[in-house]
Protein backbone atom coordinates (compact mmCIF):
# COMPACT_ATOMS: atom_id res chain seq x y z
CA UNK A 1 0.00 0.00 0.00
CA UNK A 2 2.74 2.45 0.91
CA UNK A 3 4.69 1.58 -2.25
CA UNK A 4 1.69 2.48 -4.38
CA UNK A 5 1.35 5.82 -2.60
CA UNK A 6 5.03 6.57 -3.11
CA UNK A 7 4.75 5.75 -6.82
CA UNK A 8 1.70 8.00 -7.15
CA UNK A 9 3.55 10.86 -5.45
CA UNK A 10 6.58 10.39 -7.73
CA UNK A 11 4.33 10.38 -10.81
CA UNK A 12 2.55 13.54 -9.65
CA UNK A 13 5.88 15.30 -9.05
CA UNK A 14 7.09 14.33 -12.53
CA UNK A 15 3.88 15.59 -14.12
CA UNK A 16 4.15 18.88 -12.24
CA UNK A 17 7.75 19.39 -13.31
CA UNK A 18 6.83 18.70 -16.95
CA UNK A 19 3.95 21.14 -16.84
CA UNK A 20 6.21 23.78 -15.27
CA UNK A 21 8.69 23.35 -18.12
CA UNK A 22 5.94 23.85 -20.70
CA UNK A 23 4.57 26.90 -18.88
CA UNK A 24 8.03 28.51 -18.77
CA UNK A 25 8.42 28.18 -22.55
CA UNK A 26 4.98 29.39 -23.47
CA UNK A 27 3.59 25.93 -24.10
CA UNK A 28 6.42 24.86 -26.40
CA UNK A 29 8.88 22.12 -25.41
CA UNK A 30 12.42 23.19 -24.65
CA UNK A 31 14.92 22.26 -27.34
CA UNK A 32 18.60 22.36 -26.52
CA UNK A 33 20.75 22.96 -29.58
CA UNK A 34 24.22 21.50 -29.92
CA UNK A 35 26.94 24.13 -29.76
CA UNK A 36 29.11 23.71 -32.86
CA UNK A 37 31.23 26.82 -32.39
CA UNK A 38 34.32 25.10 -30.97
CA UNK A 39 33.68 21.60 -32.26
CA UNK A 40 36.96 21.33 -34.21
CA UNK A 41 39.04 22.40 -31.21
CA UNK A 42 37.25 19.91 -28.99
CA UNK A 43 37.85 17.10 -31.49
CA UNK A 44 41.54 18.00 -31.69
CA UNK A 45 41.79 17.93 -27.90
CA UNK A 46 40.13 14.50 -27.85
CA UNK A 47 42.55 13.22 -30.50
CA UNK A 48 45.49 14.46 -28.44
CA UNK A 49 44.07 12.82 -25.33
CA UNK A 50 43.61 9.56 -27.23
CA UNK A 51 47.22 9.62 -28.44
CA UNK A 52 48.47 10.38 -24.93
CA UNK A 53 46.35 7.61 -23.42
CA UNK A 54 47.44 5.02 -25.98
CA UNK A 55 51.11 5.96 -25.61
CA UNK A 56 50.86 5.69 -21.81
CA UNK A 57 49.20 2.28 -22.15
CA UNK A 58 52.00 1.12 -24.46
CA UNK A 59 54.64 2.34 -22.00
CA UNK A 60 52.92 0.54 -19.12
CA UNK A 61 52.66 -2.64 -21.22
CA UNK A 62 56.39 -2.52 -22.04
CA UNK A 63 57.27 -1.96 -18.38
CA UNK A 64 55.05 -4.90 -17.37
CA UNK A 65 56.65 -7.18 -19.96
CA UNK A 66 60.14 -6.21 -18.80
CA UNK A 67 59.21 -6.79 -15.16
CA UNK A 68 57.69 -10.18 -15.94
CA UNK A 69 60.80 -11.16 -17.90
CA UNK A 70 63.05 -10.04 -15.02
CA UNK A 71 60.87 -11.84 -12.50
CA UNK A 72 60.80 -15.18 -14.33
CA UNK A 73 64.39 -15.22 -15.59
CA UNK A 74 65.94 -16.30 -12.24
CA UNK A 75 63.21 -18.92 -11.87
CA UNK A 76 63.99 -20.26 -15.35
CA UNK A 77 67.71 -20.29 -14.56
CA UNK A 78 67.05 -22.11 -11.28
CA UNK A 79 64.93 -24.77 -12.99
CA UNK A 80 67.52 -25.20 -15.74
CA UNK A 81 70.29 -25.56 -13.17
CA UNK A 82 68.27 -28.10 -11.17
CA UNK A 83 67.49 -30.14 -14.29
CA UNK A 84 71.10 -30.09 -15.47
CA UNK A 85 72.23 -31.14 -11.98
CA UNK A 86 69.78 -34.06 -12.06
CA UNK A 87 70.99 -34.97 -15.53
CA UNK A 88 74.63 -34.92 -14.39
CA UNK A 89 73.78 -37.02 -11.34
CA UNK A 90 71.97 -39.59 -13.50
CA UNK A 91 74.93 -39.79 -15.90
CA UNK A 92 77.37 -40.19 -13.01
CA UNK A 93 75.23 -42.87 -11.41
C-alpha atoms as a PDB file:
ATOM      1  CA  UNK A   1       0.000   0.000   0.000  1.00  0.00           C
ATOM      2  CA  UNK A   2       2.744   2.453   0.913  1.00  0.00           C
ATOM      3  CA  UNK A   3       4.695   1.575  -2.249  1.00  0.00           C
ATOM      4  CA  UNK A   4       1.691   2.477  -4.385  1.00  0.00           C
ATOM      5  CA  UNK A   5       1.345   5.816  -2.605  1.00  0.00           C
ATOM      6  CA  UNK A   6       5.028   6.571  -3.114  1.00  0.00           C
ATOM      7  CA  UNK A   7       4.748   5.753  -6.821  1.00  0.00           C
ATOM      8  CA  UNK A   8       1.698   8.005  -7.152  1.00  0.00           C
ATOM      9  CA  UNK A   9       3.551  10.860  -5.446  1.00  0.00           C
ATOM     10  CA  UNK A  10       6.575  10.395  -7.729  1.00  0.00           C
ATOM     11  CA  UNK A  11       4.326  10.382 -10.809  1.00  0.00           C
ATOM     12  CA  UNK A  12       2.549  13.545  -9.652  1.00  0.00           C
ATOM     13  CA  UNK A  13       5.882  15.303  -9.047  1.00  0.00           C
ATOM     14  CA  UNK A  14       7.093  14.330 -12.533  1.00  0.00           C
ATOM     15  CA  UNK A  15       3.879  15.589 -14.118  1.00  0.00           C
ATOM     16  CA  UNK A  16       4.148  18.876 -12.237  1.00  0.00           C
ATOM     17  CA  UNK A  17       7.749  19.392 -13.310  1.00  0.00           C
ATOM     18  CA  UNK A  18       6.834  18.698 -16.950  1.00  0.00           C
ATOM     19  CA  UNK A  19       3.945  21.145 -16.844  1.00  0.00           C
ATOM     20  CA  UNK A  20       6.207  23.782 -15.271  1.00  0.00           C
ATOM     21  CA  UNK A  21       8.687  23.355 -18.120  1.00  0.00           C
ATOM     22  CA  UNK A  22       5.936  23.846 -20.705  1.00  0.00           C
ATOM     23  CA  UNK A  23       4.570  26.900 -18.880  1.00  0.00           C
ATOM     24  CA  UNK A  24       8.028  28.508 -18.772  1.00  0.00           C
ATOM     25  CA  UNK A  25       8.424  28.179 -22.553  1.00  0.00           C
ATOM     26  CA  UNK A  26       4.977  29.394 -23.467  1.00  0.00           C
ATOM     27  CA  UNK A  27       3.595  25.934 -24.105  1.00  0.00           C
ATOM     28  CA  UNK A  28       6.422  24.855 -26.396  1.00  0.00           C
ATOM     29  CA  UNK A  29       8.880  22.122 -25.410  1.00  0.00           C
ATOM     30  CA  UNK A  30      12.420  23.188 -24.651  1.00  0.00           C
ATOM     31  CA  UNK A  31      14.920  22.264 -27.335  1.00  0.00           C
ATOM     32  CA  UNK A  32      18.605  22.362 -26.518  1.00  0.00           C
ATOM     33  CA  UNK A  33      20.748  22.958 -29.579  1.00  0.00           C
ATOM     34  CA  UNK A  34      24.217  21.495 -29.917  1.00  0.00           C
ATOM     35  CA  UNK A  35      26.940  24.130 -29.759  1.00  0.00           C
ATOM     36  CA  UNK A  36      29.109  23.708 -32.856  1.00  0.00           C
ATOM     37  CA  UNK A  37      31.228  26.815 -32.391  1.00  0.00           C
ATOM     38  CA  UNK A  38      34.315  25.101 -30.970  1.00  0.00           C
ATOM     39  CA  UNK A  39      33.683  21.602 -32.261  1.00  0.00           C
ATOM     40  CA  UNK A  40      36.959  21.331 -34.214  1.00  0.00           C
ATOM     41  CA  UNK A  41      39.036  22.395 -31.214  1.00  0.00           C
ATOM     42  CA  UNK A  42      37.250  19.906 -28.985  1.00  0.00           C
ATOM     43  CA  UNK A  43      37.846  17.095 -31.491  1.00  0.00           C
ATOM     44  CA  UNK A  44      41.544  18.005 -31.693  1.00  0.00           C
ATOM     45  CA  UNK A  45      41.790  17.927 -27.897  1.00  0.00           C
ATOM     46  CA  UNK A  46      40.130  14.496 -27.852  1.00  0.00           C
ATOM     47  CA  UNK A  47      42.547  13.215 -30.496  1.00  0.00           C
ATOM     48  CA  UNK A  48      45.494  14.463 -28.444  1.00  0.00           C
ATOM     49  CA  UNK A  49      44.067  12.822 -25.328  1.00  0.00           C
ATOM     50  CA  UNK A  50      43.610   9.556 -27.230  1.00  0.00           C
ATOM     51  CA  UNK A  51      47.219   9.622 -28.443  1.00  0.00           C
ATOM     52  CA  UNK A  52      48.475  10.380 -24.934  1.00  0.00           C
ATOM     53  CA  UNK A  53      46.353   7.615 -23.420  1.00  0.00           C
ATOM     54  CA  UNK A  54      47.438   5.025 -25.983  1.00  0.00           C
ATOM     55  CA  UNK A  55      51.111   5.956 -25.608  1.00  0.00           C
ATOM     56  CA  UNK A  56      50.855   5.688 -21.811  1.00  0.00           C
ATOM     57  CA  UNK A  57      49.203   2.281 -22.149  1.00  0.00           C
ATOM     58  CA  UNK A  58      52.002   1.119 -24.462  1.00  0.00           C
ATOM     59  CA  UNK A  59      54.645   2.345 -21.998  1.00  0.00           C
ATOM     60  CA  UNK A  60      52.918   0.535 -19.119  1.00  0.00           C
ATOM     61  CA  UNK A  61      52.665  -2.635 -21.219  1.00  0.00           C
ATOM     62  CA  UNK A  62      56.386  -2.522 -22.039  1.00  0.00           C
ATOM     63  CA  UNK A  63      57.271  -1.960 -18.383  1.00  0.00           C
ATOM     64  CA  UNK A  64      55.054  -4.896 -17.374  1.00  0.00           C
ATOM     65  CA  UNK A  65      56.645  -7.177 -19.963  1.00  0.00           C
ATOM     66  CA  UNK A  66      60.137  -6.210 -18.796  1.00  0.00           C
ATOM     67  CA  UNK A  67      59.215  -6.792 -15.159  1.00  0.00           C
ATOM     68  CA  UNK A  68      57.690 -10.184 -15.941  1.00  0.00           C
ATOM     69  CA  UNK A  69      60.804 -11.158 -17.896  1.00  0.00           C
ATOM     70  CA  UNK A  70      63.051 -10.040 -15.022  1.00  0.00           C
ATOM     71  CA  UNK A  71      60.867 -11.843 -12.502  1.00  0.00           C
ATOM     72  CA  UNK A  72      60.798 -15.175 -14.327  1.00  0.00           C
ATOM     73  CA  UNK A  73      64.392 -15.218 -15.594  1.00  0.00           C
ATOM     74  CA  UNK A  74      65.942 -16.302 -12.242  1.00  0.00           C
ATOM     75  CA  UNK A  75      63.213 -18.924 -11.873  1.00  0.00           C
ATOM     76  CA  UNK A  76      63.986 -20.260 -15.347  1.00  0.00           C
ATOM     77  CA  UNK A  77      67.708 -20.289 -14.561  1.00  0.00           C
ATOM     78  CA  UNK A  78      67.053 -22.107 -11.280  1.00  0.00           C
ATOM     79  CA  UNK A  79      64.925 -24.766 -12.990  1.00  0.00           C
ATOM     80  CA  UNK A  80      67.518 -25.203 -15.742  1.00  0.00           C
ATOM     81  CA  UNK A  81      70.288 -25.560 -13.174  1.00  0.00           C
ATOM     82  CA  UNK A  82      68.271 -28.096 -11.173  1.00  0.00           C
ATOM     83  CA  UNK A  83      67.494 -30.139 -14.295  1.00  0.00           C
ATOM     84  CA  UNK A  84      71.100 -30.086 -15.466  1.00  0.00           C
ATOM     85  CA  UNK A  85      72.235 -31.139 -11.976  1.00  0.00           C
ATOM     86  CA  UNK A  86      69.784 -34.064 -12.055  1.00  0.00           C
ATOM     87  CA  UNK A  87      70.993 -34.970 -15.528  1.00  0.00           C
ATOM     88  CA  UNK A  88      74.630 -34.923 -14.387  1.00  0.00           C
ATOM     89  CA  UNK A  89      73.783 -37.024 -11.344  1.00  0.00           C
ATOM     90  CA  UNK A  90      71.975 -39.589 -13.501  1.00  0.00           C
ATOM     91  CA  UNK A  91      74.926 -39.794 -15.897  1.00  0.00           C
ATOM     92  CA  UNK A  92      77.374 -40.186 -13.008  1.00  0.00           C
ATOM     93  CA  UNK A  93      75.231 -42.868 -11.413  1.00  0.00           C
END
